[in-house]
Protein backbone atom coordinates (compact mmCIF):
# COMPACT_ATOMS: atom_id res chain seq x y z
CA UNK A 1 115.42 161.47 186.14
CA UNK A 2 114.78 160.90 182.43
CA UNK A 3 115.94 157.27 182.37
CA UNK A 4 112.95 155.81 184.32
CA UNK A 5 110.56 157.70 182.05
CA UNK A 6 112.27 156.30 178.95
CA UNK A 7 112.17 152.80 180.40
CA UNK A 8 108.48 153.19 181.23
CA UNK A 9 107.69 154.40 177.73
CA UNK A 10 109.71 151.56 176.21
CA UNK A 11 107.92 148.99 178.36
CA UNK A 12 104.54 150.44 177.46
CA UNK A 13 105.45 150.31 173.75
CA UNK A 14 106.49 146.66 174.14
CA UNK A 15 103.18 145.80 175.78
CA UNK A 16 101.26 147.55 173.01
CA UNK A 17 103.28 145.69 170.38
CA UNK A 18 102.61 142.34 172.05
CA UNK A 19 98.92 143.16 172.35
CA UNK A 20 98.75 144.13 168.66
CA UNK A 21 100.46 140.89 167.66
CA UNK A 22 98.11 138.89 169.84
CA UNK A 23 95.08 140.54 168.26
CA UNK A 24 96.31 139.44 164.84
CA UNK A 25 96.26 135.76 165.89
CA UNK A 26 93.20 133.54 166.09
CA UNK A 27 92.60 129.99 167.27
CA UNK A 28 92.79 127.41 164.48
CA UNK A 29 89.34 125.85 164.30
CA UNK A 30 88.69 122.64 162.43
CA UNK A 31 85.78 120.21 162.54
CA UNK A 32 86.79 117.01 164.31
CA UNK A 33 85.28 113.61 163.49
CA UNK A 34 83.69 111.54 166.27
CA UNK A 35 86.07 109.20 168.12
CA UNK A 36 85.65 105.62 166.93
CA UNK A 37 87.85 103.00 168.56
CA UNK A 38 86.80 99.46 167.61
CA UNK A 39 88.19 96.02 168.36
CA UNK A 40 90.56 94.89 171.10
CA UNK A 41 93.41 97.35 171.73
CA UNK A 42 96.80 95.93 170.76
CA UNK A 43 99.82 96.86 172.91
CA UNK A 44 102.09 99.28 171.09
CA UNK A 45 105.82 98.75 171.59
CA UNK A 46 107.45 101.57 169.66
CA UNK A 47 110.55 103.54 170.67
CA UNK A 48 110.41 107.31 171.13
CA UNK A 49 106.64 107.28 171.58
CA UNK A 50 105.12 110.53 172.81
CA UNK A 51 102.85 110.29 175.87
CA UNK A 52 99.17 109.75 175.04
CA UNK A 53 97.14 112.92 174.75
CA UNK A 54 94.78 113.68 177.60
CA UNK A 55 91.61 115.52 176.69
CA UNK A 56 91.32 118.22 174.07
CA UNK A 57 94.40 119.44 172.24
CA UNK A 58 95.56 122.88 173.47
CA UNK A 59 94.50 125.82 171.32
CA UNK A 60 96.86 126.56 168.44
CA UNK A 61 97.05 130.13 167.14
CA UNK A 62 97.47 131.17 163.51
CA UNK A 63 97.37 134.55 161.77
CA UNK A 64 93.90 135.92 161.11
CA UNK A 65 92.67 134.97 157.65
CA UNK A 66 94.37 131.56 157.67
CA UNK A 67 92.37 128.93 155.77
CA UNK A 68 92.65 125.25 154.80
CA UNK A 69 94.45 125.60 151.48
CA UNK A 70 94.37 121.85 150.81
CA UNK A 71 90.58 121.56 150.56
CA UNK A 72 89.66 119.73 147.32
CA UNK A 73 93.17 120.23 145.93
CA UNK A 74 94.85 117.71 143.62
CA UNK A 75 96.65 114.77 145.24
CA UNK A 76 99.30 112.56 143.66
CA UNK A 77 101.12 109.59 145.17
CA UNK A 78 103.94 107.07 144.89
CA UNK A 79 101.13 104.49 144.53
CA UNK A 80 99.00 105.25 141.48
CA UNK A 81 96.72 102.28 142.11
CA UNK A 82 95.58 102.35 145.75
CA UNK A 83 94.30 99.11 147.28
CA UNK A 84 91.17 100.93 148.44
CA UNK A 85 89.69 104.36 147.98
CA UNK A 86 90.93 107.16 145.75
CA UNK A 87 93.55 109.84 146.21
CA UNK A 88 91.01 112.67 146.23
CA UNK A 89 89.83 111.36 149.62
CA UNK A 90 92.97 112.92 151.16
CA UNK A 91 91.51 116.41 150.73
CA UNK A 92 87.74 115.81 150.47
CA UNK A 93 86.90 117.01 154.00
CA UNK A 94 85.76 113.62 155.31
CA UNK A 95 87.76 112.83 158.47
CA UNK A 96 85.58 110.02 159.81
CA UNK A 97 87.11 106.63 160.60
CA UNK A 98 84.21 104.71 159.05
CA UNK A 99 84.75 102.11 156.34
CA UNK A 100 85.21 103.80 152.98
CA UNK A 101 86.59 107.08 154.33
CA UNK A 102 90.26 106.43 153.62
CA UNK A 103 92.64 105.69 150.80
CA UNK A 104 94.88 102.67 151.32
CA UNK A 105 98.29 102.70 149.67
CA UNK A 106 100.42 99.62 149.20
CA UNK A 107 102.90 98.22 151.73
CA UNK A 108 106.24 99.73 152.64
CA UNK A 109 107.52 103.19 151.78
CA UNK A 110 104.86 105.42 150.21
CA UNK A 111 103.98 109.11 149.93
CA UNK A 112 101.15 111.43 148.98
CA UNK A 113 101.61 114.95 147.65
CA UNK A 114 99.18 117.87 147.68
CA UNK A 115 99.38 120.69 145.14
CA UNK A 116 98.08 123.88 146.78
CA UNK A 117 97.86 125.50 143.29
CA UNK A 118 100.06 128.44 144.34
CA UNK A 119 102.82 129.14 146.81
CA UNK A 120 101.64 129.93 150.33
CA UNK A 121 102.82 130.66 153.84
CA UNK A 122 101.90 127.54 155.81
CA UNK A 123 101.33 127.73 159.57
CA UNK A 124 99.99 124.27 160.42
CA UNK A 125 99.39 120.87 158.85
CA UNK A 126 96.84 118.45 160.28
CA UNK A 127 97.08 114.76 159.36
CA UNK A 128 94.58 111.96 159.93
CA UNK A 129 95.75 108.44 159.21
CA UNK A 130 93.55 105.45 160.11
CA UNK A 131 92.28 106.26 163.64
CA UNK A 132 89.57 103.75 164.55
CA UNK A 133 92.32 101.70 166.25
CA UNK A 134 95.32 102.83 168.25
CA UNK A 135 98.10 102.63 165.68
CA UNK A 136 101.46 104.24 165.08
CA UNK A 137 102.41 104.95 161.48
CA UNK A 138 106.11 104.42 160.93
CA UNK A 139 108.70 106.83 159.53
CA UNK A 140 106.33 109.76 159.11
CA UNK A 141 107.95 112.66 157.25
CA UNK A 142 106.25 115.87 156.10
CA UNK A 143 107.99 118.23 153.68
CA UNK A 144 107.14 121.49 151.89
CA UNK A 145 108.61 122.78 148.63
CA UNK A 146 107.95 124.89 145.54
CA UNK A 147 109.42 122.02 143.48
CA UNK A 148 106.87 119.27 142.70
CA UNK A 149 109.68 116.70 142.42
CA UNK A 150 111.03 117.66 145.87
CA UNK A 151 114.59 117.78 144.58
CA UNK A 152 115.31 121.40 145.56
CA UNK A 153 114.15 123.99 148.04
CA UNK A 154 112.75 121.35 150.41
CA UNK A 155 111.89 122.14 154.03
CA UNK A 156 111.20 119.24 156.40
CA UNK A 157 108.59 120.24 158.99
CA UNK A 158 108.20 116.83 160.67
CA UNK A 159 110.35 113.71 160.71
CA UNK A 160 110.22 110.70 163.04
CA UNK A 161 112.13 108.40 160.66
CA UNK A 162 114.58 107.39 163.40
CA UNK A 163 116.66 105.04 161.24
CA UNK A 164 116.61 107.18 158.07
CA UNK A 165 114.65 104.55 156.14
CA UNK A 166 113.70 107.05 153.43
CA UNK A 167 117.20 108.51 153.11
CA UNK A 168 115.87 111.99 153.86
CA UNK A 169 117.71 112.43 157.14
CA UNK A 170 117.43 110.96 160.62
CA UNK A 171 114.25 112.13 162.33
CA UNK A 172 114.16 113.61 165.81
CA UNK A 173 110.39 113.97 166.21
CA UNK A 174 108.46 111.49 168.34
CA UNK A 175 106.28 108.65 167.16
CA UNK A 176 102.62 109.16 168.02
CA UNK A 177 99.39 107.19 168.33
CA UNK A 178 96.66 108.09 165.83
CA UNK A 179 93.51 109.65 167.29
CA UNK A 180 90.39 111.35 165.98
CA UNK A 181 92.02 114.72 166.72
CA UNK A 182 94.67 114.16 164.07
CA UNK A 183 98.33 115.16 164.30
CA UNK A 184 98.93 118.91 164.30
CA UNK A 185 102.31 120.00 162.96
CA UNK A 186 103.51 123.54 163.63
CA UNK A 187 105.07 124.63 160.33
CA UNK A 188 105.99 128.14 161.48
CA UNK A 189 104.96 129.95 158.30
CA UNK A 190 107.14 127.93 155.91
CA UNK A 191 106.62 128.92 152.28
CA UNK A 192 105.79 126.46 149.51
CA UNK A 193 103.23 125.19 147.00
CA UNK A 194 103.57 121.43 147.47
CA UNK A 195 103.21 119.32 150.60
CA UNK A 196 104.50 115.74 150.61
CA UNK A 197 103.80 113.22 153.38
CA UNK A 198 105.69 109.94 153.75
CA UNK A 199 104.96 106.81 155.79
CA UNK A 200 106.21 103.24 155.95
CA UNK A 201 103.40 101.00 157.17
CA UNK A 202 102.08 100.93 160.71
CA UNK A 203 102.07 98.84 163.87
CA UNK A 204 99.03 96.82 162.70
CA UNK A 205 100.17 96.03 159.15
CA UNK A 206 102.52 97.16 156.38
CA UNK A 207 99.94 99.32 154.59
CA UNK A 208 99.63 103.12 154.50
CA UNK A 209 96.34 104.93 155.05
CA UNK A 210 95.27 108.55 154.70
CA UNK A 211 91.89 109.83 155.78
CA UNK A 212 92.48 113.58 155.52
CA UNK A 213 95.21 116.21 155.35
CA UNK A 214 94.60 119.90 156.03
CA UNK A 215 97.14 122.58 155.20
CA UNK A 216 96.44 125.82 157.04
CA UNK A 217 97.97 128.98 155.61
CA UNK A 218 97.62 132.08 153.45
CA UNK A 219 98.64 132.60 149.81
CA UNK A 220 102.12 134.11 149.68
């Protein structure tokens, strides 16, 4: 007769634990820019392309107290002389697709790196490339590390470099079309101080653009 009681108590404890965990999570809230598609849409013929998003992105939950650690933080790059804009635009809070809201890096393989100033537990990264036209940025890789040179202790949190163009491993993530909602990457609490983002041109031209990057987490 004691077994059912024990099972009931165990089930009740499990429910309480789940409820407590749920209460410690909140919806990630970020300010989105207005959608701004201009020009004639160009057909996109890219392999491994994820289906287009329909409507608002589903809610994403993060631990309570999570903040955008990248805001106004220092940005460095493989291209020290951007064609347009400045590197600080990557973390300045401006996500609009208007002229003058992005930094344009040179053609081919490029990266930007954000120094969060201290190591942190990172739960989500949001990326806005150029989004006033439907484009796919090629060979997108996002990595986190405590080493600014990214030679040790590197964790890859996103990689759609299907042909291993960067030599960082073959990617299994899907290509995606840029939108005003940005690309949300679930980083599952990975720990690190530096975030590096790679790209290799896009379906409209060979250049690389960044409008904004947000890194949502809590200091470790």
